[in-house]
Amino acid sequence: MERVVLLFKNYKGYSLAETITAFSMWILIVSILIPQLVLITQERVTTKQTSDALKLLHEKIQSVAFSDLDKVNEDFEKDSVVYHLTWKEEGAYQKACMEWTSLYKKTKSVCLLVS
């Protein structure tokens, strides 16, 4: 028993080396997780914007197809994002495209063919 006490002079708590090791492991974990969480959050926003654009585009194509409305270029705003609807001719088909500026300040677009 006497020998064990002599090996560990400071046996009443944690040593500085243990504290620094634990702190370093927490810093490593946090420095890996936080950028990934930010990226996932940004991708969720981008996916929601794309989904909203597709829904708006589909609704507008449906209303034009079934109500015989004119195909007019329009702007829509949803969740502080402005979507621009444009109609384009491609041979025998017409193409409806929805464009918007993404979270990364890039212009995104999605198009559907209309017969």
N, C-alpha and C. Protein backbone atom coordinates (compact mmCIF):
# COMPACT_ATOMS: atom_id res chain seq x y z
N MET A 1 0.82 -1.19 0.00
CA MET A 1 0.00 0.00 0.00
C MET A 1 0.86 1.26 0.00
N GLU A 2 1.93 1.22 0.76
CA GLU A 2 2.83 2.35 0.84
C GLU A 2 3.44 2.67 -0.52
N ARG A 3 3.73 1.64 -1.28
CA ARG A 3 4.37 1.82 -2.58
C ARG A 3 3.42 2.48 -3.58
N VAL A 4 2.13 2.13 -3.56
CA VAL A 4 1.15 2.73 -4.46
C VAL A 4 1.03 4.22 -4.20
N VAL A 5 1.03 4.62 -2.97
CA VAL A 5 0.94 6.03 -2.63
C VAL A 5 2.16 6.79 -3.12
N LEU A 6 3.31 6.18 -3.09
CA LEU A 6 4.52 6.84 -3.57
C LEU A 6 4.52 7.00 -5.09
N LEU A 7 3.88 6.07 -5.83
CA LEU A 7 3.83 6.19 -7.28
C LEU A 7 2.98 7.38 -7.73
N PHE A 8 1.89 7.59 -7.05
CA PHE A 8 0.97 8.66 -7.42
C PHE A 8 0.99 9.73 -6.34
N LYS A 9 1.85 10.70 -6.49
CA LYS A 9 1.96 11.74 -5.47
C LYS A 9 0.70 12.61 -5.43
N ASN A 10 0.15 12.91 -6.61
CA ASN A 10 -1.06 13.73 -6.66
C ASN A 10 -2.23 12.84 -7.03
N TYR A 11 -2.66 12.03 -6.12
CA TYR A 11 -3.72 11.07 -6.40
C TYR A 11 -5.10 11.60 -6.03
N LYS A 12 -5.25 12.86 -5.68
CA LYS A 12 -6.53 13.41 -5.27
C LYS A 12 -7.32 14.01 -6.44
N GLY A 13 -6.79 14.09 -7.61
CA GLY A 13 -7.51 14.70 -8.73
C GLY A 13 -6.84 14.39 -10.05
N TYR A 14 -7.27 15.12 -11.09
CA TYR A 14 -6.73 14.92 -12.42
C TYR A 14 -5.43 15.70 -12.57
N SER A 15 -4.57 15.16 -13.40
CA SER A 15 -3.31 15.86 -13.67
C SER A 15 -3.50 16.82 -14.85
N LEU A 16 -2.56 17.69 -15.04
CA LEU A 16 -2.62 18.65 -16.13
C LEU A 16 -2.60 17.94 -17.48
N ALA A 17 -1.84 16.88 -17.59
CA ALA A 17 -1.75 16.14 -18.86
C ALA A 17 -3.10 15.53 -19.22
N GLU A 18 -3.80 14.97 -18.25
CA GLU A 18 -5.12 14.40 -18.53
C GLU A 18 -6.11 15.48 -18.96
N THR A 19 -6.05 16.62 -18.31
CA THR A 19 -6.95 17.72 -18.65
C THR A 19 -6.68 18.24 -20.06
N ILE A 20 -5.42 18.41 -20.40
CA ILE A 20 -5.08 18.89 -21.74
C ILE A 20 -5.47 17.86 -22.79
N THR A 21 -5.28 16.59 -22.52
CA THR A 21 -5.67 15.54 -23.46
C THR A 21 -7.17 15.54 -23.69
N ALA A 22 -7.94 15.62 -22.62
CA ALA A 22 -9.40 15.64 -22.75
C ALA A 22 -9.87 16.88 -23.50
N PHE A 23 -9.28 18.02 -23.19
CA PHE A 23 -9.64 19.26 -23.88
C PHE A 23 -9.29 19.18 -25.37
N SER A 24 -8.15 18.60 -25.69
CA SER A 24 -7.74 18.45 -27.09
C SER A 24 -8.70 17.54 -27.85
N MET A 25 -9.16 16.48 -27.20
CA MET A 25 -10.11 15.59 -27.86
C MET A 25 -11.43 16.30 -28.12
N TRP A 26 -11.91 17.11 -27.17
CA TRP A 26 -13.14 17.86 -27.38
C TRP A 26 -12.98 18.88 -28.50
N ILE A 27 -11.86 19.55 -28.55
CA ILE A 27 -11.60 20.52 -29.63
C ILE A 27 -11.59 19.82 -30.98
N LEU A 28 -10.98 18.66 -31.06
CA LEU A 28 -10.94 17.90 -32.30
C LEU A 28 -12.35 17.50 -32.74
N ILE A 29 -13.13 17.00 -31.81
CA ILE A 29 -14.50 16.58 -32.13
C ILE A 29 -15.33 17.78 -32.60
N VAL A 30 -15.24 18.89 -31.89
CA VAL A 30 -16.02 20.07 -32.25
C VAL A 30 -15.56 20.65 -33.58
N SER A 31 -14.26 20.66 -33.84
CA SER A 31 -13.77 21.22 -35.10
C SER A 31 -14.15 20.36 -36.31
N ILE A 32 -14.47 19.11 -36.09
CA ILE A 32 -14.94 18.26 -37.18
C ILE A 32 -16.45 18.36 -37.34
N LEU A 33 -17.19 18.41 -36.25
CA LEU A 33 -18.65 18.38 -36.32
C LEU A 33 -19.28 19.70 -36.75
N ILE A 34 -18.78 20.81 -36.28
CA ILE A 34 -19.43 22.10 -36.57
C ILE A 34 -19.42 22.43 -38.07
N PRO A 35 -18.31 22.28 -38.79
CA PRO A 35 -18.39 22.54 -40.24
C PRO A 35 -19.35 21.60 -40.97
N GLN A 36 -19.43 20.36 -40.52
CA GLN A 36 -20.36 19.43 -41.14
C GLN A 36 -21.81 19.83 -40.88
N LEU A 37 -22.10 20.29 -39.68
CA LEU A 37 -23.46 20.74 -39.36
C LEU A 37 -23.83 21.98 -40.17
N VAL A 38 -22.88 22.88 -40.37
CA VAL A 38 -23.14 24.07 -41.19
C VAL A 38 -23.41 23.67 -42.63
N LEU A 39 -22.62 22.75 -43.16
CA LEU A 39 -22.82 22.28 -44.53
C LEU A 39 -24.17 21.60 -44.70
N ILE A 40 -24.56 20.77 -43.75
CA ILE A 40 -25.86 20.10 -43.82
C ILE A 40 -26.99 21.12 -43.79
N THR A 41 -26.87 22.14 -42.95
CA THR A 41 -27.90 23.18 -42.88
C THR A 41 -28.01 23.93 -44.20
N GLN A 42 -26.89 24.26 -44.81
CA GLN A 42 -26.91 24.96 -46.10
C GLN A 42 -27.50 24.08 -47.19
N GLU A 43 -27.19 22.81 -47.18
CA GLU A 43 -27.75 21.90 -48.18
C GLU A 43 -29.25 21.74 -48.01
N ARG A 44 -29.73 21.78 -46.77
CA ARG A 44 -31.18 21.72 -46.54
C ARG A 44 -31.87 22.93 -47.16
N VAL A 45 -31.27 24.10 -47.01
CA VAL A 45 -31.84 25.32 -47.58
C VAL A 45 -31.85 25.21 -49.11
N THR A 46 -30.77 24.75 -49.69
CA THR A 46 -30.68 24.59 -51.14
C THR A 46 -31.71 23.59 -51.65
N THR A 47 -31.87 22.49 -50.95
CA THR A 47 -32.85 21.48 -51.35
C THR A 47 -34.27 22.03 -51.24
N LYS A 48 -34.55 22.81 -50.21
CA LYS A 48 -35.88 23.40 -50.06
C LYS A 48 -36.15 24.40 -51.18
N GLN A 49 -35.16 25.19 -51.55
CA GLN A 49 -35.34 26.15 -52.64
C GLN A 49 -35.63 25.42 -53.95
N THR A 50 -34.91 24.34 -54.21
CA THR A 50 -35.15 23.56 -55.43
C THR A 50 -36.53 22.95 -55.42
N SER A 51 -36.93 22.42 -54.28
CA SER A 51 -38.26 21.83 -54.15
C SER A 51 -39.36 22.88 -54.36
N ASP A 52 -39.19 24.06 -53.77
CA ASP A 52 -40.15 25.14 -53.95
C ASP A 52 -40.23 25.56 -55.42
N ALA A 53 -39.08 25.64 -56.09
CA ALA A 53 -39.07 26.02 -57.50
C ALA A 53 -39.81 24.99 -58.35
N LEU A 54 -39.59 23.71 -58.07
CA LEU A 54 -40.29 22.67 -58.83
C LEU A 54 -41.79 22.71 -58.57
N LYS A 55 -42.20 22.94 -57.34
CA LYS A 55 -43.63 23.03 -57.02
C LYS A 55 -44.28 24.20 -57.74
N LEU A 56 -43.63 25.37 -57.67
CA LEU A 56 -44.18 26.55 -58.35
C LEU A 56 -44.25 26.33 -59.86
N LEU A 57 -43.21 25.75 -60.41
CA LEU A 57 -43.17 25.49 -61.85
C LEU A 57 -44.27 24.51 -62.26
N HIS A 58 -44.43 23.46 -61.50
CA HIS A 58 -45.47 22.46 -61.80
C HIS A 58 -46.86 23.07 -61.70
N GLU A 59 -47.10 23.87 -60.66
CA GLU A 59 -48.41 24.51 -60.50
C GLU A 59 -48.70 25.45 -61.67
N LYS A 60 -47.70 26.21 -62.09
CA LYS A 60 -47.91 27.16 -63.19
C LYS A 60 -48.15 26.42 -64.51
N ILE A 61 -47.40 25.35 -64.75
CA ILE A 61 -47.60 24.57 -65.98
C ILE A 61 -49.00 23.96 -65.98
N GLN A 62 -49.43 23.45 -64.84
CA GLN A 62 -50.77 22.86 -64.75
C GLN A 62 -51.85 23.90 -65.02
N SER A 63 -51.70 25.09 -64.45
CA SER A 63 -52.72 26.12 -64.66
C SER A 63 -52.75 26.58 -66.12
N VAL A 64 -51.60 26.66 -66.76
CA VAL A 64 -51.55 27.05 -68.17
C VAL A 64 -52.13 25.95 -69.05
N ALA A 65 -51.82 24.70 -68.74
CA ALA A 65 -52.27 23.59 -69.58
C ALA A 65 -53.78 23.37 -69.49
N PHE A 66 -54.34 23.51 -68.31
CA PHE A 66 -55.76 23.18 -68.13
C PHE A 66 -56.69 24.38 -68.20
N SER A 67 -56.17 25.59 -68.09
CA SER A 67 -57.03 26.78 -68.11
C SER A 67 -56.83 27.61 -69.36
N ASP A 68 -55.97 27.19 -70.25
CA ASP A 68 -55.68 27.92 -71.49
C ASP A 68 -55.27 29.37 -71.21
N LEU A 69 -54.47 29.57 -70.18
CA LEU A 69 -53.93 30.89 -69.88
C LEU A 69 -52.73 31.16 -70.78
N ASP A 70 -52.40 32.44 -70.93
CA ASP A 70 -51.23 32.80 -71.73
C ASP A 70 -49.95 32.44 -70.99
N LYS A 71 -48.95 32.08 -71.77
CA LYS A 71 -47.64 31.74 -71.20
C LYS A 71 -46.84 33.02 -71.07
N VAL A 72 -46.87 33.59 -69.88
CA VAL A 72 -46.24 34.88 -69.61
C VAL A 72 -45.10 34.68 -68.62
N ASN A 73 -43.99 35.35 -68.90
CA ASN A 73 -42.88 35.31 -67.95
C ASN A 73 -43.29 36.04 -66.67
N GLU A 74 -43.05 35.41 -65.53
CA GLU A 74 -43.49 35.97 -64.26
C GLU A 74 -42.41 35.85 -63.20
N ASP A 75 -42.58 36.60 -62.13
CA ASP A 75 -41.71 36.50 -60.96
C ASP A 75 -42.57 36.10 -59.76
N PHE A 76 -42.04 35.20 -58.96
CA PHE A 76 -42.70 34.75 -57.73
C PHE A 76 -41.73 34.96 -56.58
N GLU A 77 -42.28 35.23 -55.41
CA GLU A 77 -41.43 35.33 -54.22
C GLU A 77 -41.98 34.39 -53.16
N LYS A 78 -41.09 33.57 -52.64
CA LYS A 78 -41.47 32.63 -51.57
C LYS A 78 -40.28 32.50 -50.62
N ASP A 79 -40.51 32.71 -49.35
CA ASP A 79 -39.47 32.62 -48.31
C ASP A 79 -38.27 33.50 -48.64
N SER A 80 -38.52 34.72 -49.05
CA SER A 80 -37.48 35.72 -49.36
C SER A 80 -36.60 35.33 -50.55
N VAL A 81 -37.07 34.43 -51.38
CA VAL A 81 -36.33 34.04 -52.60
C VAL A 81 -37.22 34.40 -53.79
N VAL A 82 -36.65 35.09 -54.77
CA VAL A 82 -37.39 35.48 -55.96
C VAL A 82 -37.13 34.44 -57.05
N TYR A 83 -38.21 33.86 -57.56
CA TYR A 83 -38.14 32.87 -58.64
C TYR A 83 -38.64 33.52 -59.92
N HIS A 84 -37.90 33.35 -61.02
CA HIS A 84 -38.25 33.93 -62.31
C HIS A 84 -38.71 32.80 -63.24
N LEU A 85 -39.95 32.88 -63.71
CA LEU A 85 -40.49 31.89 -64.64
C LEU A 85 -40.33 32.42 -66.05
N THR A 86 -39.69 31.63 -66.92
CA THR A 86 -39.54 32.01 -68.33
C THR A 86 -40.01 30.86 -69.20
N TRP A 87 -40.61 31.22 -70.33
CA TRP A 87 -41.07 30.24 -71.31
C TRP A 87 -40.16 30.31 -72.52
N LYS A 88 -39.71 29.16 -73.02
CA LYS A 88 -38.81 29.11 -74.17
C LYS A 88 -39.34 28.11 -75.18
N GLU A 89 -39.08 28.40 -76.46
CA GLU A 89 -39.47 27.49 -77.54
C GLU A 89 -38.32 26.55 -77.86
N GLU A 90 -38.61 25.27 -77.98
CA GLU A 90 -37.62 24.29 -78.40
C GLU A 90 -38.26 23.34 -79.39
N GLY A 91 -38.22 23.71 -80.65
CA GLY A 91 -38.81 22.87 -81.69
C GLY A 91 -40.32 22.77 -81.51
N ALA A 92 -40.82 21.54 -81.41
CA ALA A 92 -42.25 21.31 -81.25
C ALA A 92 -42.71 21.50 -79.81
N TYR A 93 -41.77 21.65 -78.92
CA TYR A 93 -42.10 21.75 -77.50
C TYR A 93 -41.79 23.14 -76.97
N GLN A 94 -42.41 23.43 -75.86
CA GLN A 94 -42.06 24.64 -75.12
C GLN A 94 -41.46 24.22 -73.80
N LYS A 95 -40.54 25.02 -73.34
CA LYS A 95 -39.86 24.70 -72.09
C LYS A 95 -40.14 25.82 -71.09
N ALA A 96 -40.59 25.42 -69.91
CA ALA A 96 -40.81 26.37 -68.82
C ALA A 96 -39.64 26.23 -67.85
N CYS A 97 -38.98 27.34 -67.57
CA CYS A 97 -37.82 27.31 -66.69
C CYS A 97 -38.03 28.24 -65.50
N MET A 98 -37.60 27.78 -64.35
CA MET A 98 -37.65 28.57 -63.13
C MET A 98 -36.21 28.85 -62.71
N GLU A 99 -35.88 30.11 -62.52
CA GLU A 99 -34.52 30.50 -62.13
C GLU A 99 -34.58 31.27 -60.81
N TRP A 100 -33.54 31.10 -60.00
CA TRP A 100 -33.44 31.82 -58.73
C TRP A 100 -31.98 31.89 -58.32
N THR A 101 -31.69 32.76 -57.37
CA THR A 101 -30.34 32.91 -56.84
C THR A 101 -30.25 32.11 -55.55
N SER A 102 -29.28 31.21 -55.49
CA SER A 102 -29.16 30.30 -54.35
C SER A 102 -28.47 30.97 -53.18
N LEU A 103 -28.32 30.20 -52.12
CA LEU A 103 -27.67 30.65 -50.90
C LEU A 103 -26.22 31.06 -51.16
N TYR A 104 -25.58 30.41 -52.13
CA TYR A 104 -24.19 30.69 -52.47
C TYR A 104 -24.05 31.78 -53.53
N LYS A 105 -25.14 32.52 -53.80
CA LYS A 105 -25.17 33.61 -54.79
C LYS A 105 -24.92 33.09 -56.20
N LYS A 106 -25.33 31.86 -56.46
CA LYS A 106 -25.25 31.30 -57.80
C LYS A 106 -26.65 31.21 -58.38
N THR A 107 -26.75 31.39 -59.68
CA THR A 107 -28.04 31.28 -60.34
C THR A 107 -28.34 29.82 -60.61
N LYS A 108 -29.45 29.36 -60.07
CA LYS A 108 -29.88 27.97 -60.27
C LYS A 108 -31.10 28.00 -61.17
N SER A 109 -31.32 26.90 -61.89
CA SER A 109 -32.51 26.81 -62.73
C SER A 109 -32.96 25.37 -62.84
N VAL A 110 -34.25 25.24 -63.07
CA VAL A 110 -34.85 23.93 -63.30
C VAL A 110 -35.88 24.13 -64.42
N CYS A 111 -35.93 23.20 -65.36
CA CYS A 111 -36.80 23.34 -66.52
C CYS A 111 -37.65 22.08 -66.71
N LEU A 112 -38.85 22.28 -67.26
CA LEU A 112 -39.73 21.18 -67.62
C LEU A 112 -40.25 21.42 -69.03
N LEU A 113 -40.36 20.35 -69.81
CA LEU A 113 -40.89 20.46 -71.16
C LEU A 113 -42.41 20.43 -71.12
N VAL A 114 -43.03 21.26 -71.97
CA VAL A 114 -44.48 21.33 -72.07
C VAL A 114 -44.84 21.05 -73.52
N SER A 115 -45.79 20.17 -73.72
CA SER A 115 -46.18 19.86 -75.11
C SER A 115 -47.26 20.79 -75.59
